[in-house]
Amino acid sequence: MDSQDSSDRRWTVSDYDKIMKIVHADQHLDDQEKNLLKQLQDMLANGTIKRVAG
């Protein structure tokens, strides 16, 4: 059994939107931001984390 609480792997749509707003605030994506966004998108795509209503 996975020791991580499944609620820790869920992001609400509003959480995701907040992250995107912060990332795009300066209208410039540096290499680190691009890498982190790719990791986030990969985790959403493979089900490591799930986007839920809220």
C-alpha atoms as a PDB file:
ATOM      1  CA  MET A   1       0.000   0.000   0.000  1.00  0.00           C
ATOM      2  CA  ASP A   2       1.216   3.491  -0.816  1.00  0.00           C
ATOM      3  CA  SER A   3       2.054   5.401   2.356  1.00  0.00           C
ATOM      4  CA  GLN A   4       1.205   8.742   0.770  1.00  0.00           C
ATOM      5  CA  ASP A   5      -2.360   9.884   1.384  1.00  0.00           C
ATOM      6  CA  SER A   6      -4.235   9.877  -1.942  1.00  0.00           C
ATOM      7  CA  SER A   7      -5.583  13.370  -1.191  1.00  0.00           C
ATOM      8  CA  ASP A   8      -1.971  14.612  -1.391  1.00  0.00           C
ATOM      9  CA  ARG A   9      -1.944  13.626  -5.062  1.00  0.00           C
ATOM     10  CA  ARG A  10      -4.984  15.689  -6.036  1.00  0.00           C
ATOM     11  CA  TRP A  11      -4.875  19.245  -7.294  1.00  0.00           C
ATOM     12  CA  THR A  12      -7.980  21.325  -7.667  1.00  0.00           C
ATOM     13  CA  VAL A  13      -8.566  23.261 -10.843  1.00  0.00           C
ATOM     14  CA  SER A  14      -8.172  26.473  -8.821  1.00  0.00           C
ATOM     15  CA  ASP A  15      -4.779  25.265  -7.487  1.00  0.00           C
ATOM     16  CA  TYR A  16      -3.655  24.603 -11.044  1.00  0.00           C
ATOM     17  CA  ASP A  17      -4.957  27.990 -12.211  1.00  0.00           C
ATOM     18  CA  LYS A  18      -3.075  29.752  -9.381  1.00  0.00           C
ATOM     19  CA  ILE A  19       0.174  28.075 -10.418  1.00  0.00           C
ATOM     20  CA  MET A  20      -0.351  29.053 -14.056  1.00  0.00           C
ATOM     21  CA  LYS A  21      -1.104  32.659 -13.086  1.00  0.00           C
ATOM     22  CA  ILE A  22       2.118  32.868 -11.042  1.00  0.00           C
ATOM     23  CA  VAL A  23       4.184  31.247 -13.778  1.00  0.00           C
ATOM     24  CA  HIS A  24       2.913  33.610 -16.451  1.00  0.00           C
ATOM     25  CA  ALA A  25       2.916  36.786 -14.305  1.00  0.00           C
ATOM     26  CA  ASP A  26       6.214  38.075 -15.696  1.00  0.00           C
ATOM     27  CA  GLN A  27       5.363  36.910 -19.242  1.00  0.00           C
ATOM     28  CA  HIS A  28       8.675  35.064 -19.455  1.00  0.00           C
ATOM     29  CA  LEU A  29       9.263  31.343 -18.918  1.00  0.00           C
ATOM     30  CA  ASP A  30      12.834  30.558 -17.990  1.00  0.00           C
ATOM     31  CA  ASP A  31      14.374  27.093 -18.346  1.00  0.00           C
ATOM     32  CA  GLN A  32      13.656  26.126 -14.730  1.00  0.00           C
ATOM     33  CA  GLU A  33       9.987  27.108 -15.032  1.00  0.00           C
ATOM     34  CA  LYS A  34       9.674  25.191 -18.292  1.00  0.00           C
ATOM     35  CA  ASN A  35      11.216  22.107 -16.686  1.00  0.00           C
ATOM     36  CA  LEU A  36       8.914  22.276 -13.659  1.00  0.00           C
ATOM     37  CA  LEU A  37       5.842  22.797 -15.836  1.00  0.00           C
ATOM     38  CA  LYS A  38       6.824  19.793 -17.946  1.00  0.00           C
ATOM     39  CA  GLN A  39       7.155  17.699 -14.779  1.00  0.00           C
ATOM     40  CA  LEU A  40       3.722  18.879 -13.615  1.00  0.00           C
ATOM     41  CA  GLN A  41       2.164  18.086 -17.000  1.00  0.00           C
ATOM     42  CA  ASP A  42       3.850  14.657 -17.023  1.00  0.00           C
ATOM     43  CA  MET A  43       2.494  13.863 -13.545  1.00  0.00           C
ATOM     44  CA  LEU A  44      -1.000  14.920 -14.604  1.00  0.00           C
ATOM     45  CA  ALA A  45      -0.730  12.863 -17.804  1.00  0.00           C
ATOM     46  CA  ASN A  46       0.483   9.683 -16.108  1.00  0.00           C
ATOM     47  CA  GLY A  47      -1.925   9.909 -13.166  1.00  0.00           C
ATOM     48  CA  THR A  48       0.659  10.568 -10.446  1.00  0.00           C
ATOM     49  CA  ILE A  49      -1.478  13.545  -9.531  1.00  0.00           C
ATOM     50  CA  LYS A  50      -5.049  14.197 -10.551  1.00  0.00           C
ATOM     51  CA  ARG A  51      -6.839  17.447 -11.265  1.00  0.00           C
ATOM     52  CA  VAL A  52     -10.195  17.567  -9.457  1.00  0.00           C
ATOM     53  CA  ALA A  53     -13.036  20.078  -9.291  1.00  0.00           C
ATOM     54  CA  GLY A  54     -12.654  22.883  -6.837  1.00  0.00           C
END
